[in-house]
Amino acid sequence: MGSVVGEKITCLIEYATNNFLPFYYSVCYARRKFELDANG
């Protein structure tokens, strides 16, 4: 993942948390699932 993509994701997370949107939780869940899958 490039730095540009990471920056966009960071901006989306900040926007979602500032506006109390559920997007933040889905991103955290997806990231955790990805980490678990990557670790085996």
Protein backbone atom coordinates (compact mmCIF):
# COMPACT_ATOMS: atom_id res chain seq x y z
CA MET A 1 0.00 0.00 0.00
CA GLY A 2 1.47 3.33 -1.03
CA SER A 3 1.73 6.42 1.10
CA VAL A 4 -0.97 8.17 -0.93
CA VAL A 5 -3.46 5.37 -0.26
CA GLY A 6 -2.51 5.34 3.42
CA GLU A 7 -3.05 9.10 3.62
CA LYS A 8 -6.50 8.79 2.03
CA ILE A 9 -7.47 6.06 4.48
CA THR A 10 -6.23 8.16 7.39
CA CYS A 11 -8.31 11.12 6.21
CA LEU A 12 -11.39 8.92 5.86
CA ILE A 13 -10.94 7.51 9.36
CA GLU A 14 -10.49 10.98 10.85
CA TYR A 15 -13.57 12.26 9.03
CA ALA A 16 -15.63 9.27 10.16
CA THR A 17 -14.60 9.57 13.80
CA ASN A 18 -15.21 13.32 13.83
CA ASN A 19 -18.70 12.82 12.42
CA PHE A 20 -19.53 9.66 14.41
CA LEU A 21 -19.88 7.49 11.33
CA PRO A 22 -19.68 3.67 11.45
CA PHE A 23 -16.98 3.63 8.75
CA TYR A 24 -14.26 3.62 11.41
CA TYR A 25 -15.44 0.36 12.93
CA SER A 26 -15.63 -1.44 9.60
CA VAL A 27 -12.10 -0.34 8.72
CA CYS A 28 -10.76 -1.52 12.07
CA TYR A 29 -12.51 -4.86 11.65
CA ALA A 30 -11.18 -5.30 8.12
CA ARG A 31 -7.66 -4.37 9.19
CA ARG A 32 -7.71 -6.80 12.10
CA LYS A 33 -9.02 -9.58 9.86
CA PHE A 34 -6.28 -8.85 7.33
CA GLU A 35 -3.61 -8.99 10.05
CA LEU A 36 -4.93 -12.31 11.32
CA ASP A 37 -5.02 -13.77 7.80
CA ALA A 38 -1.52 -12.49 7.04
CA ASN A 39 -0.09 -14.04 10.20
CA GLY A 40 -1.56 -17.42 9.40
